[in-house]
């Protein structure tokens, strides 16, 4: 009986963490799921209970400094870390010392600000004057899949929509 209850709790608490890889035979994406006990599962289909647990948020606008191809100050568009922001070339910028280490819990999410005023705490007007000639601009997103992570907002990269 305890095992049955634990299995039910496990299924009810299942969360998709990230896409691990694409299966070369079937061409389907293999996802990593973790339950409340920390047990990891791999599957190329959503767990049935997971679809009922999906949180629906109201559509909201978010702002990010990035490039037209989806790149950012710390990561390439494909998610690879490049860390340009933390190099000497950008030492004059306000957020030069901000670290954005890899975190598998937010793979597929973009770091954003919920207002232009909040974004200016990260990137001042002077910073944008330096970054604009390098192809960086303020990008406005509309998202329904968003959450607070550590000290900032993150939005789902695949389901968010660029407005400008």
Foldseek 3Di string as FASTA:
>chain_A
DVVVVVVVQFLLQKDWQAFDAADPVVRATWTWIAGPVRDIDIDSDDRPNVVVVDDWADKAKWKFKAAPLCGHCAAGNVGHGDNNLCDPVNVVWPQSPPDDDDDSRQVQKDWTARDPVVVCNRGPPVNCVVCVVVRIDMWMKIAGAWDDDDHTIIGGNVGIDTDD
